Amino acid sequence: MVWWRGNGLWIGLLVAAGIASANKCLGPIGVAIACLASAAILFGVRGSLEDSSLFSIPTRFWWPVLLVLGILVLFKG
């Protein structure tokens, strides 16, 4: 089983650190902002991360999931 490939581990840690720190500073609205910002960043660099994955989930699927999660937290948070 492949746990991570390429830069997946580092990208996952950066996304998690951003969401955790935004939650601590701003609460639920911070989580929504951090998820949306992470989705935008991953969308912008998606071409250079094609071979990366974390827990066998390729990074090309992360930005839509983060976008939906950010929207859900924004409206339901």
N, C-alpha and C. Protein backbone atom coordinates (compact mmCIF):
# COMPACT_ATOMS: atom_id res chain seq x y z
N MET A 1 0.84 -1.18 0.00
CA MET A 1 0.00 0.00 0.00
C MET A 1 0.89 1.24 0.00
N VAL A 2 0.57 2.17 -0.88
CA VAL A 2 1.34 3.41 -0.98
C VAL A 2 0.68 4.46 -0.09
N TRP A 3 1.44 5.00 0.86
CA TRP A 3 0.89 6.02 1.75
C TRP A 3 1.00 7.40 1.14
N TRP A 4 2.12 7.69 0.50
CA TRP A 4 2.23 8.96 -0.21
C TRP A 4 3.21 8.81 -1.35
N ARG A 5 3.01 9.62 -2.35
CA ARG A 5 3.88 9.67 -3.51
C ARG A 5 4.18 11.12 -3.81
N GLY A 6 5.36 11.37 -4.28
CA GLY A 6 5.73 12.73 -4.65
C GLY A 6 5.69 13.66 -3.46
N ASN A 7 5.07 14.82 -3.64
CA ASN A 7 4.97 15.83 -2.58
C ASN A 7 3.65 15.75 -1.81
N GLY A 8 2.96 14.63 -1.89
CA GLY A 8 1.67 14.50 -1.23
C GLY A 8 1.71 14.69 0.27
N LEU A 9 2.76 14.18 0.91
CA LEU A 9 2.87 14.32 2.36
C LEU A 9 3.02 15.79 2.75
N TRP A 10 3.88 16.51 2.06
CA TRP A 10 4.11 17.92 2.40
C TRP A 10 2.89 18.79 2.09
N ILE A 11 2.24 18.53 0.99
CA ILE A 11 1.04 19.29 0.65
C ILE A 11 -0.06 19.00 1.68
N GLY A 12 -0.21 17.74 2.08
CA GLY A 12 -1.20 17.39 3.09
C GLY A 12 -0.93 18.05 4.43
N LEU A 13 0.35 18.11 4.82
CA LEU A 13 0.70 18.77 6.07
C LEU A 13 0.43 20.28 6.00
N LEU A 14 0.71 20.90 4.87
CA LEU A 14 0.46 22.34 4.72
C LEU A 14 -1.04 22.65 4.76
N VAL A 15 -1.83 21.83 4.09
CA VAL A 15 -3.28 22.03 4.10
C VAL A 15 -3.82 21.85 5.51
N ALA A 16 -3.40 20.78 6.19
CA ALA A 16 -3.87 20.52 7.55
C ALA A 16 -3.44 21.61 8.53
N ALA A 17 -2.20 22.08 8.40
CA ALA A 17 -1.72 23.14 9.28
C ALA A 17 -2.49 24.44 9.05
N GLY A 18 -2.79 24.75 7.80
CA GLY A 18 -3.56 25.95 7.49
C GLY A 18 -4.97 25.89 8.05
N ILE A 19 -5.62 24.75 7.91
CA ILE A 19 -6.98 24.60 8.42
C ILE A 19 -6.99 24.61 9.95
N ALA A 20 -6.04 23.94 10.57
CA ALA A 20 -5.99 23.91 12.04
C ALA A 20 -5.71 25.28 12.62
N SER A 21 -4.78 26.02 12.03
CA SER A 21 -4.48 27.35 12.57
C SER A 21 -5.61 28.33 12.32
N ALA A 22 -6.28 28.22 11.18
CA ALA A 22 -7.43 29.09 10.91
C ALA A 22 -8.57 28.79 11.87
N ASN A 23 -8.75 27.53 12.21
CA ASN A 23 -9.79 27.16 13.17
C ASN A 23 -9.48 27.76 14.54
N LYS A 24 -8.22 27.71 14.94
CA LYS A 24 -7.84 28.23 16.25
C LYS A 24 -8.00 29.75 16.30
N CYS A 25 -7.69 30.43 15.22
CA CYS A 25 -7.76 31.90 15.20
C CYS A 25 -9.16 32.44 14.94
N LEU A 26 -9.86 31.87 13.97
CA LEU A 26 -11.12 32.46 13.52
C LEU A 26 -12.36 31.59 13.74
N GLY A 27 -12.19 30.36 14.17
CA GLY A 27 -13.33 29.48 14.38
C GLY A 27 -13.82 28.88 13.07
N PRO A 28 -15.11 28.54 13.00
CA PRO A 28 -15.65 27.87 11.81
C PRO A 28 -15.50 28.67 10.52
N ILE A 29 -15.62 29.97 10.59
CA ILE A 29 -15.44 30.77 9.37
C ILE A 29 -14.00 30.67 8.87
N GLY A 30 -13.07 30.53 9.78
CA GLY A 30 -11.67 30.35 9.40
C GLY A 30 -11.43 29.03 8.71
N VAL A 31 -12.13 27.99 9.15
CA VAL A 31 -12.01 26.69 8.50
C VAL A 31 -12.52 26.78 7.06
N ALA A 32 -13.65 27.45 6.88
CA ALA A 32 -14.19 27.62 5.53
C ALA A 32 -13.23 28.40 4.64
N ILE A 33 -12.68 29.48 5.17
CA ILE A 33 -11.73 30.28 4.39
C ILE A 33 -10.48 29.48 4.06
N ALA A 34 -9.98 28.73 5.02
CA ALA A 34 -8.77 27.93 4.80
C ALA A 34 -9.03 26.82 3.78
N CYS A 35 -10.19 26.19 3.83
CA CYS A 35 -10.51 25.14 2.85
C CYS A 35 -10.62 25.73 1.44
N LEU A 36 -11.28 26.88 1.34
CA LEU A 36 -11.42 27.51 0.03
C LEU A 36 -10.07 28.01 -0.49
N ALA A 37 -9.23 28.55 0.38
CA ALA A 37 -7.90 28.99 -0.03
C ALA A 37 -7.03 27.81 -0.43
N SER A 38 -7.11 26.72 0.31
CA SER A 38 -6.34 25.52 -0.05
C SER A 38 -6.80 24.95 -1.38
N ALA A 39 -8.11 24.95 -1.60
CA ALA A 39 -8.63 24.47 -2.89
C ALA A 39 -8.13 25.34 -4.04
N ALA A 40 -8.11 26.65 -3.83
CA ALA A 40 -7.63 27.55 -4.88
C ALA A 40 -6.14 27.35 -5.16
N ILE A 41 -5.36 27.15 -4.11
CA ILE A 41 -3.92 26.93 -4.29
C ILE A 41 -3.68 25.61 -5.01
N LEU A 42 -4.36 24.55 -4.58
CA LEU A 42 -4.19 23.26 -5.23
C LEU A 42 -4.68 23.27 -6.68
N PHE A 43 -5.74 24.04 -6.96
CA PHE A 43 -6.20 24.18 -8.33
C PHE A 43 -5.14 24.88 -9.17
N GLY A 44 -4.48 25.87 -8.59
CA GLY A 44 -3.46 26.62 -9.32
C GLY A 44 -2.21 25.82 -9.62
N VAL A 45 -1.84 24.91 -8.74
CA VAL A 45 -0.61 24.13 -8.95
C VAL A 45 -0.91 22.68 -9.34
N ARG A 46 -2.10 22.42 -9.82
CA ARG A 46 -2.49 21.04 -10.12
C ARG A 46 -1.62 20.39 -11.19
N GLY A 47 -1.06 21.14 -12.09
CA GLY A 47 -0.23 20.58 -13.14
C GLY A 47 1.08 20.02 -12.62
N SER A 48 1.62 20.62 -11.58
CA SER A 48 2.91 20.16 -11.06
C SER A 48 2.76 19.08 -9.99
N LEU A 49 1.55 18.77 -9.57
CA LEU A 49 1.32 17.77 -8.52
C LEU A 49 0.62 16.52 -9.03
N GLU A 50 0.67 16.26 -10.33
CA GLU A 50 -0.10 15.15 -10.89
C GLU A 50 0.31 13.80 -10.34
N ASP A 51 1.57 13.61 -10.00
CA ASP A 51 2.03 12.31 -9.52
C ASP A 51 2.00 12.21 -8.00
N SER A 52 1.51 13.21 -7.30
CA SER A 52 1.52 13.21 -5.84
C SER A 52 0.23 12.63 -5.29
N SER A 53 0.36 11.97 -4.14
CA SER A 53 -0.82 11.45 -3.45
C SER A 53 -0.51 11.32 -1.96
N LEU A 54 -1.56 11.28 -1.17
CA LEU A 54 -1.44 11.07 0.27
C LEU A 54 -2.51 10.05 0.65
N PHE A 55 -2.13 9.02 1.37
CA PHE A 55 -3.02 7.91 1.70
C PHE A 55 -3.67 7.34 0.45
N SER A 56 -2.90 7.26 -0.62
CA SER A 56 -3.31 6.71 -1.91
C SER A 56 -4.44 7.49 -2.57
N ILE A 57 -4.68 8.73 -2.16
CA ILE A 57 -5.66 9.61 -2.80
C ILE A 57 -4.88 10.65 -3.58
N PRO A 58 -4.96 10.64 -4.90
CA PRO A 58 -4.20 11.61 -5.70
C PRO A 58 -4.61 13.05 -5.42
N THR A 59 -3.65 13.94 -5.50
CA THR A 59 -3.92 15.35 -5.20
C THR A 59 -4.86 15.99 -6.21
N ARG A 60 -5.05 15.39 -7.37
CA ARG A 60 -5.97 15.99 -8.34
C ARG A 60 -7.42 15.95 -7.86
N PHE A 61 -7.72 15.09 -6.86
CA PHE A 61 -9.07 15.02 -6.30
C PHE A 61 -9.24 15.88 -5.06
N TRP A 62 -8.17 16.47 -4.57
CA TRP A 62 -8.25 17.23 -3.32
C TRP A 62 -8.99 18.54 -3.48
N TRP A 63 -8.71 19.29 -4.55
CA TRP A 63 -9.28 20.64 -4.63
C TRP A 63 -10.80 20.63 -4.75
N PRO A 64 -11.43 19.69 -5.49
CA PRO A 64 -12.90 19.70 -5.47
C PRO A 64 -13.48 19.33 -4.11
N VAL A 65 -12.83 18.41 -3.42
CA VAL A 65 -13.30 18.00 -2.09
C VAL A 65 -13.15 19.16 -1.11
N LEU A 66 -12.03 19.86 -1.15
CA LEU A 66 -11.83 21.01 -0.27
C LEU A 66 -12.80 22.14 -0.60
N LEU A 67 -13.11 22.32 -1.87
CA LEU A 67 -14.07 23.34 -2.28
C LEU A 67 -15.45 23.04 -1.71
N VAL A 68 -15.90 21.81 -1.85
CA VAL A 68 -17.22 21.41 -1.32
C VAL A 68 -17.22 21.50 0.20
N LEU A 69 -16.15 21.03 0.84
CA LEU A 69 -16.07 21.10 2.30
C LEU A 69 -16.09 22.55 2.79
N GLY A 70 -15.36 23.43 2.10
CA GLY A 70 -15.36 24.84 2.48
C GLY A 70 -16.72 25.49 2.35
N ILE A 71 -17.44 25.16 1.27
CA ILE A 71 -18.78 25.71 1.07
C ILE A 71 -19.74 25.17 2.13
N LEU A 72 -19.65 23.88 2.42
CA LEU A 72 -20.52 23.31 3.46
C LEU A 72 -20.27 23.94 4.82
N VAL A 73 -19.00 24.10 5.19
CA VAL A 73 -18.70 24.70 6.49
C VAL A 73 -19.13 26.16 6.51
N LEU A 74 -18.99 26.85 5.40
CA LEU A 74 -19.38 28.25 5.34
C LEU A 74 -20.87 28.43 5.60
N PHE A 75 -21.69 27.56 5.01
CA PHE A 75 -23.13 27.72 5.15
C PHE A 75 -23.72 26.97 6.35
N LYS A 76 -23.07 25.90 6.79
CA LYS A 76 -23.61 25.12 7.90
C LYS A 76 -22.84 25.34 9.20
N GLY A 77 -21.65 25.98 9.13
CA GLY A 77 -20.78 26.14 10.29
C GLY A 77 -21.31 27.03 11.31
